[in-house]
Amino acid sequence: MSFSYGRKQCLDLKLTDPILLSRLDNGETISKDCILTISLGAPFRRKQSDILFCWKMIAGVIEL
Protein backbone atom coordinates (compact mmCIF):
# COMPACT_ATOMS: atom_id res chain seq x y z
CA MET A 1 0.00 0.00 0.00
CA SER A 2 1.43 3.34 -0.92
CA PHE A 3 0.30 6.65 0.47
CA SER A 4 1.04 10.31 0.10
CA TYR A 5 0.97 13.40 2.26
CA GLY A 6 -0.23 16.41 0.34
CA ARG A 7 1.22 15.99 -3.12
CA LYS A 8 4.29 14.06 -1.97
CA GLN A 9 4.51 10.25 -2.30
CA CYS A 10 5.70 9.05 1.13
CA LEU A 11 6.16 5.32 1.49
CA ASP A 12 5.16 2.01 -0.01
CA LEU A 13 4.47 -0.35 2.90
CA LYS A 14 3.18 -3.88 3.40
CA LEU A 15 -0.46 -3.95 4.56
CA THR A 16 -1.20 -6.36 7.43
CA ASP A 17 -4.72 -5.24 8.48
CA PRO A 18 -6.74 -8.47 7.98
CA ILE A 19 -10.12 -6.73 7.69
CA LEU A 20 -8.94 -4.29 5.06
CA LEU A 21 -7.06 -7.02 3.19
CA SER A 22 -10.30 -9.02 3.00
CA ARG A 23 -12.23 -6.00 1.73
CA LEU A 24 -9.62 -5.28 -0.94
CA ASP A 25 -9.59 -8.96 -1.99
CA ASN A 26 -13.37 -8.65 -2.53
CA GLY A 27 -12.86 -5.71 -4.89
CA GLU A 28 -13.92 -2.96 -2.49
CA THR A 29 -12.22 0.41 -2.53
CA ILE A 30 -11.33 2.54 0.45
CA SER A 31 -11.53 6.25 1.12
CA LYS A 32 -8.55 8.40 0.22
CA ASP A 33 -8.76 9.95 3.70
CA CYS A 34 -7.52 7.49 6.31
CA ILE A 35 -5.58 7.31 9.54
CA LEU A 36 -2.83 4.69 9.36
CA THR A 37 -1.32 2.75 12.25
CA ILE A 38 2.30 2.06 11.33
CA SER A 39 4.11 -0.76 13.15
CA LEU A 40 7.70 -1.91 13.22
CA GLY A 41 8.61 -5.55 12.83
CA ALA A 42 11.24 -7.25 14.97
CA PRO A 43 14.83 -6.17 14.24
CA PHE A 44 16.73 -8.44 11.87
CA ARG A 45 19.85 -8.60 9.74
CA ARG A 46 20.56 -10.77 6.71
CA LYS A 47 24.17 -11.44 7.64
CA GLN A 48 26.17 -10.84 10.79
CA SER A 49 28.02 -7.86 9.28
CA ASP A 50 24.77 -6.00 8.40
CA ILE A 51 23.23 -3.39 10.67
CA LEU A 52 19.85 -4.19 12.23
CA PHE A 53 16.74 -3.26 10.21
CA CYS A 54 13.04 -3.22 11.07
CA TRP A 55 10.26 -3.60 8.51
CA LYS A 56 7.64 -0.86 8.63
CA MET A 57 4.09 -2.06 7.96
CA ILE A 58 0.54 -0.74 8.02
CA ALA A 59 -1.09 -2.62 10.88
CA GLY A 60 -4.43 -0.81 10.89
CA VAL A 61 -6.45 1.58 8.76
CA ILE A 62 -9.26 3.85 9.95
CA GLU A 63 -11.29 5.41 7.17
CA LEU A 64 -12.50 8.95 7.84
PDB file of N, CA and C in Angstrom:
ATOM      1  N   MET A   1       0.858  -1.153   0.000  1.00  0.00           N
ATOM      2  CA  MET A   1       0.000   0.000   0.000  1.00  0.00           C
ATOM      3  C   MET A   1       0.909   1.221   0.000  1.00  0.00           C
ATOM      4  N   SER A   2       0.651   2.112  -0.902  1.00  0.00           N
ATOM      5  CA  SER A   2       1.434   3.344  -0.921  1.00  0.00           C
ATOM      6  C   SER A   2       0.516   4.491  -0.509  1.00  0.00           C
ATOM      7  N   PHE A   3       1.102   5.512   0.063  1.00  0.00           N
ATOM      8  CA  PHE A   3       0.304   6.655   0.471  1.00  0.00           C
ATOM      9  C   PHE A   3       1.107   7.925   0.274  1.00  0.00           C
ATOM     10  N   SER A   4       0.391   9.024   0.295  1.00  0.00           N
ATOM     11  CA  SER A   4       1.044  10.312   0.103  1.00  0.00           C
ATOM     12  C   SER A   4       0.557  11.283   1.162  1.00  0.00           C
ATOM     13  N   TYR A   5       1.326  12.315   1.344  1.00  0.00           N
ATOM     14  CA  TYR A   5       0.968  13.400   2.256  1.00  0.00           C
ATOM     15  C   TYR A   5       0.999  14.666   1.431  1.00  0.00           C
ATOM     16  N   GLY A   6      -0.145  15.284   1.262  1.00  0.00           N
ATOM     17  CA  GLY A   6      -0.228  16.413   0.345  1.00  0.00           C
ATOM     18  C   GLY A   6      -0.026  15.898  -1.074  1.00  0.00           C
ATOM     19  N   ARG A   7       0.924  16.452  -1.765  1.00  0.00           N
ATOM     20  CA  ARG A   7       1.225  15.990  -3.124  1.00  0.00           C
ATOM     21  C   ARG A   7       2.445  15.086  -3.170  1.00  0.00           C
ATOM     22  N   LYS A   8       3.043  14.813  -2.017  1.00  0.00           N
ATOM     23  CA  LYS A   8       4.287  14.057  -1.971  1.00  0.00           C
ATOM     24  C   LYS A   8       4.038  12.577  -1.671  1.00  0.00           C
ATOM     25  N   GLN A   9       4.570  11.702  -2.539  1.00  0.00           N
ATOM     26  CA  GLN A   9       4.510  10.254  -2.295  1.00  0.00           C
ATOM     27  C   GLN A   9       5.424   9.945  -1.122  1.00  0.00           C
ATOM     28  N   CYS A  10       4.907   9.286  -0.084  1.00  0.00           N
ATOM     29  CA  CYS A  10       5.696   9.055   1.126  1.00  0.00           C
ATOM     30  C   CYS A  10       6.368   7.680   1.133  1.00  0.00           C
ATOM     31  N   LEU A  11       5.599   6.660   1.334  1.00  0.00           N
ATOM     32  CA  LEU A  11       6.161   5.320   1.487  1.00  0.00           C
ATOM     33  C   LEU A  11       5.285   4.290   0.787  1.00  0.00           C
ATOM     34  N   ASP A  12       5.880   3.169   0.510  1.00  0.00           N
ATOM     35  CA  ASP A  12       5.163   2.012  -0.009  1.00  0.00           C
ATOM     36  C   ASP A  12       5.384   0.908   1.017  1.00  0.00           C
ATOM     37  N   LEU A  13       4.343   0.573   1.771  1.00  0.00           N
ATOM     38  CA  LEU A  13       4.470  -0.350   2.897  1.00  0.00           C
ATOM     39  C   LEU A  13       3.580  -1.569   2.724  1.00  0.00           C
ATOM     40  N   LYS A  14       3.969  -2.650   3.365  1.00  0.00           N
ATOM     41  CA  LYS A  14       3.178  -3.876   3.403  1.00  0.00           C
ATOM     42  C   LYS A  14       1.951  -3.641   4.280  1.00  0.00           C
ATOM     43  N   LEU A  15       0.790  -4.069   3.813  1.00  0.00           N
ATOM     44  CA  LEU A  15      -0.458  -3.953   4.557  1.00  0.00           C
ATOM     45  C   LEU A  15      -0.715  -5.253   5.305  1.00  0.00           C
ATOM     46  N   THR A  16      -0.952  -5.152   6.624  1.00  0.00           N
ATOM     47  CA  THR A  16      -1.200  -6.355   7.431  1.00  0.00           C
ATOM     48  C   THR A  16      -2.555  -6.339   8.129  1.00  0.00           C
ATOM     49  N   ASP A  17      -3.385  -5.336   7.871  1.00  0.00           N
ATOM     50  CA  ASP A  17      -4.718  -5.236   8.477  1.00  0.00           C
ATOM     51  C   ASP A  17      -5.616  -6.296   7.843  1.00  0.00           C
ATOM     52  N   PRO A  18      -5.992  -7.367   8.586  1.00  0.00           N
ATOM     53  CA  PRO A  18      -6.738  -8.471   7.980  1.00  0.00           C
ATOM     54  C   PRO A  18      -8.121  -8.081   7.461  1.00  0.00           C
ATOM     55  N   ILE A  19      -8.783  -7.147   8.135  1.00  0.00           N
ATOM     56  CA  ILE A  19     -10.119  -6.733   7.686  1.00  0.00           C
ATOM     57  C   ILE A  19     -10.025  -5.974   6.374  1.00  0.00           C
ATOM     58  N   LEU A  20      -9.097  -5.052   6.290  1.00  0.00           N
ATOM     59  CA  LEU A  20      -8.937  -4.289   5.063  1.00  0.00           C
ATOM     60  C   LEU A  20      -8.439  -5.172   3.919  1.00  0.00           C
ATOM     61  N   LEU A  21      -7.531  -6.093   4.220  1.00  0.00           N
ATOM     62  CA  LEU A  21      -7.061  -7.020   3.187  1.00  0.00           C
ATOM     63  C   LEU A  21      -8.223  -7.815   2.598  1.00  0.00           C
ATOM     64  N   SER A  22      -9.134  -8.270   3.463  1.00  0.00           N
ATOM     65  CA  SER A  22     -10.299  -9.020   3.004  1.00  0.00           C
ATOM     66  C   SER A  22     -11.195  -8.152   2.117  1.00  0.00           C
ATOM     67  N   ARG A  23     -11.406  -6.912   2.535  1.00  0.00           N
ATOM     68  CA  ARG A  23     -12.233  -6.001   1.729  1.00  0.00           C
ATOM     69  C   ARG A  23     -11.608  -5.752   0.365  1.00  0.00           C
ATOM     70  N   LEU A  24     -10.300  -5.528   0.333  1.00  0.00           N
ATOM     71  CA  LEU A  24      -9.623  -5.282  -0.938  1.00  0.00           C
ATOM     72  C   LEU A  24      -9.650  -6.525  -1.832  1.00  0.00           C
ATOM     73  N   ASP A  25      -9.511  -7.703  -1.226  1.00  0.00           N
ATOM     74  CA  ASP A  25      -9.594  -8.962  -1.993  1.00  0.00           C
ATOM     75  C   ASP A  25     -10.967  -9.138  -2.633  1.00  0.00           C
ATOM     76  N   ASN A  26     -11.998  -8.567  -1.999  1.00  0.00           N
ATOM     77  CA  ASN A  26     -13.366  -8.650  -2.528  1.00  0.00           C
ATOM     78  C   ASN A  26     -13.680  -7.532  -3.514  1.00  0.00           C
ATOM     79  N   GLY A  27     -12.668  -6.745  -3.889  1.00  0.00           N
ATOM     80  CA  GLY A  27     -12.855  -5.711  -4.891  1.00  0.00           C
ATOM     81  C   GLY A  27     -13.351  -4.381  -4.369  1.00  0.00           C
ATOM     82  N   GLU A  28     -13.468  -4.239  -3.058  1.00  0.00           N
ATOM     83  CA  GLU A  28     -13.920  -2.964  -2.493  1.00  0.00           C
ATOM     84  C   GLU A  28     -12.807  -1.925  -2.589  1.00  0.00           C
ATOM     85  N   THR A  29     -13.192  -0.680  -2.577  1.00  0.00           N
ATOM     86  CA  THR A  29     -12.221   0.408  -2.527  1.00  0.00           C
ATOM     87  C   THR A  29     -12.335   1.093  -1.177  1.00  0.00           C
ATOM     88  N   ILE A  30     -11.297   1.835  -0.822  1.00  0.00           N
ATOM     89  CA  ILE A  30     -11.332   2.541   0.454  1.00  0.00           C
ATOM     90  C   ILE A  30     -11.206   4.037   0.202  1.00  0.00           C
ATOM     91  N   SER A  31     -11.596   4.798   1.189  1.00  0.00           N
ATOM     92  CA  SER A  31     -11.530   6.251   1.118  1.00  0.00           C
ATOM     93  C   SER A  31     -10.080   6.708   0.987  1.00  0.00           C
ATOM     94  N   LYS A  32      -9.888   7.833   0.316  1.00  0.00           N
ATOM     95  CA  LYS A  32      -8.547   8.402   0.224  1.00  0.00           C
ATOM     96  C   LYS A  32      -8.115   9.008   1.553  1.00  0.00           C
ATOM     97  N   ASP A  33      -9.070   9.333   2.410  1.00  0.00           N
ATOM     98  CA  ASP A  33      -8.763   9.951   3.699  1.00  0.00           C
ATOM     99  C   ASP A  33      -8.809   8.894   4.797  1.00  0.00           C
ATOM    100  N   CYS A  34      -7.630   8.545   5.305  1.00  0.00           N
ATOM    101  CA  CYS A  34      -7.517   7.493   6.314  1.00  0.00           C
ATOM    102  C   CYS A  34      -6.477   7.867   7.361  1.00  0.00           C
ATOM    103  N   ILE A  35      -6.618   7.259   8.511  1.00  0.00           N
ATOM    104  CA  ILE A  35      -5.582   7.307   9.537  1.00  0.00           C
ATOM    105  C   ILE A  35      -4.903   5.947   9.517  1.00  0.00           C
ATOM    106  N   LEU A  36      -3.579   5.941   9.435  1.00  0.00           N
ATOM    107  CA  LEU A  36      -2.828   4.692   9.364  1.00  0.00           C
ATOM    108  C   LEU A  36      -2.107   4.434  10.677  1.00  0.00           C
ATOM    109  N   THR A  37      -2.123   3.184  11.115  1.00  0.00           N
ATOM    110  CA  THR A  37      -1.320   2.752  12.248  1.00  0.00           C
ATOM    111  C   THR A  37      -0.109   2.040  11.669  1.00  0.00           C
ATOM    112  N   ILE A  38       1.065   2.616  11.871  1.00  0.00           N
ATOM    113  CA  ILE A  38       2.301   2.063  11.332  1.00  0.00           C
ATOM    114  C   ILE A  38       3.006   1.299  12.451  1.00  0.00           C
ATOM    115  N   SER A  39       3.408   0.071  12.181  1.00  0.00           N
ATOM    116  CA  SER A  39       4.114  -0.757  13.152  1.00  0.00           C
ATOM    117  C   SER A  39       5.498  -1.107  12.637  1.00  0.00           C
ATOM    118  N   LEU A  40       6.364  -1.430  13.564  1.00  0.00           N
ATOM    119  CA  LEU A  40       7.702  -1.909  13.222  1.00  0.00           C
ATOM    120  C   LEU A  40       7.799  -3.387  13.530  1.00  0.00           C
ATOM    121  N   GLY A  41       8.365  -4.136  12.595  1.00  0.00           N
ATOM    122  CA  GLY A  41       8.609  -5.553  12.827  1.00  0.00           C
ATOM    123  C   GLY A  41       9.824  -5.731  13.732  1.00  0.00           C
ATOM    124  N   ALA A  42      10.083  -6.953  14.126  1.00  0.00           N
ATOM    125  CA  ALA A  42      11.238  -7.253  14.969  1.00  0.00           C
ATOM    126  C   ALA A  42      12.531  -6.957  14.214  1.00  0.00           C
ATOM    127  N   PRO A  43      13.560  -6.449  14.906  1.00  0.00           N
ATOM    128  CA  PRO A  43      14.830  -6.166  14.243  1.00  0.00           C
ATOM    129  C   PRO A  43      15.442  -7.442  13.654  1.00  0.00           C
ATOM    130  N   PHE A  44      16.073  -7.293  12.502  1.00  0.00           N
ATOM    131  CA  PHE A  44      16.730  -8.440  11.872  1.00  0.00           C
ATOM    132  C   PHE A  44      17.909  -7.953  11.048  1.00  0.00           C
ATOM    133  N   ARG A  45      18.767  -8.871  10.677  1.00  0.00           N
ATOM    134  CA  ARG A  45      19.854  -8.600   9.742  1.00  0.00           C
ATOM    135  C   ARG A  45      20.055  -9.838   8.882  1.00  0.00           C
ATOM    136  N   ARG A  46      20.384  -9.640   7.627  1.00  0.00           N
ATOM    137  CA  ARG A  46      20.559 -10.768   6.708  1.00  0.00           C
ATOM    138  C   ARG A  46      21.844 -11.515   6.980  1.00  0.00           C
ATOM    139  N   LYS A  47      22.912 -10.797   7.275  1.00  0.00           N
ATOM    140  CA  LYS A  47      24.173 -11.437   7.638  1.00  0.00           C
ATOM    141  C   LYS A  47      24.752 -10.715   8.848  1.00  0.00           C
ATOM    142  N   GLN A  48      25.640 -11.355   9.526  1.00  0.00           N
ATOM    143  CA  GLN A  48      26.171 -10.842  10.787  1.00  0.00           C
ATOM    144  C   GLN A  48      26.785  -9.449  10.632  1.00  0.00           C
ATOM    145  N   SER A  49      27.358  -9.159   9.478  1.00  0.00           N
ATOM    146  CA  SER A  49      28.023  -7.862   9.279  1.00  0.00           C
ATOM    147  C   SER A  49      27.047  -6.726   8.975  1.00  0.00           C
ATOM    148  N   ASP A  50      25.785  -7.032   8.694  1.00  0.00           N
ATOM    149  CA  ASP A  50      24.774  -6.000   8.405  1.00  0.00           C
ATOM    150  C   ASP A  50      24.319  -5.302   9.681  1.00  0.00           C
ATOM    151  N   ILE A  51      23.853  -4.057   9.528  1.00  0.00           N
ATOM    152  CA  ILE A  51      23.229  -3.390  10.672  1.00  0.00           C
ATOM    153  C   ILE A  51      21.805  -3.918  10.827  1.00  0.00           C
ATOM    154  N   LEU A  52      21.219  -3.727  11.988  1.00  0.00           N
ATOM    155  CA  LEU A  52      19.850  -4.190  12.226  1.00  0.00           C
ATOM    156  C   LEU A  52      18.853  -3.314  11.484  1.00  0.00           C
ATOM    157  N   PHE A  53      17.832  -3.953  10.899  1.00  0.00           N
ATOM    158  CA  PHE A  53      16.743  -3.264  10.211  1.00  0.00           C
ATOM    159  C   PHE A  53      15.425  -3.696  10.836  1.00  0.00           C
ATOM    160  N   CYS A  54      14.407  -2.862  10.684  1.00  0.00           N
ATOM    161  CA  CYS A  54      13.041  -3.216  11.071  1.00  0.00           C
ATOM    162  C   CYS A  54      12.124  -2.908   9.893  1.00  0.00           C
ATOM    163  N   TRP A  55      11.251  -3.861   9.545  1.00  0.00           N
ATOM    164  CA  TRP A  55      10.260  -3.598   8.514  1.00  0.00           C
ATOM    165  C   TRP A  55       9.209  -2.664   9.072  1.00  0.00           C
ATOM    166  N   LYS A  56       8.771  -1.702   8.271  1.00  0.00           N
ATOM    167  CA  LYS A  56       7.638  -0.856   8.625  1.00  0.00           C
ATOM    168  C   LYS A  56       6.422  -1.409   7.893  1.00  0.00           C
ATOM    169  N   MET A  57       5.297  -1.518   8.584  1.00  0.00           N
ATOM    170  CA  MET A  57       4.088  -2.055   7.962  1.00  0.00           C
ATOM    171  C   MET A  57       2.855  -1.316   8.454  1.00  0.00           C
ATOM    172  N   ILE A  58       1.806  -1.350   7.642  1.00  0.00           N
ATOM    173  CA  ILE A  58       0.535  -0.740   8.020  1.00  0.00           C
ATOM    174  C   ILE A  58      -0.276  -1.800   8.747  1.00  0.00           C
ATOM    175  N   ALA A  59      -0.417  -1.625  10.056  1.00  0.00           N
ATOM    176  CA  ALA A  59      -1.089  -2.617  10.881  1.00  0.00           C
ATOM    177  C   ALA A  59      -2.589  -2.368  10.973  1.00  0.00           C
ATOM    178  N   GLY A  60      -3.007  -1.130  10.794  1.00  0.00           N
ATOM    179  CA  GLY A  60      -4.429  -0.814  10.889  1.00  0.00           C
ATOM    180  C   GLY A  60      -4.758   0.423  10.072  1.00  0.00           C
ATOM    181  N   VAL A  61      -5.987   0.449   9.557  1.00  0.00           N
ATOM    182  CA  VAL A  61      -6.453   1.576   8.755  1.00  0.00           C
ATOM    183  C   VAL A  61      -7.829   2.002   9.259  1.00  0.00           C
ATOM    184  N   ILE A  62      -7.974   3.287   9.548  1.00  0.00           N
ATOM    185  CA  ILE A  62      -9.258   3.848   9.955  1.00  0.00           C
ATOM    186  C   ILE A  62      -9.684   4.825   8.882  1.00  0.00           C
ATOM    187  N   GLU A  63     -10.786   4.516   8.204  1.00  0.00           N
ATOM    188  CA  GLU A  63     -11.286   5.413   7.173  1.00  0.00           C
ATOM    189  C   GLU A  63     -12.040   6.569   7.827  1.00  0.00           C
ATOM    190  N   LEU A  64     -11.826   7.762   7.297  1.00  0.00           N
ATOM    191  CA  LEU A  64     -12.504   8.949   7.837  1.00  0.00           C
ATOM    192  C   LEU A  64     -13.767   9.246   7.062  1.00  0.00           C
TER     193      LEU A  64
END
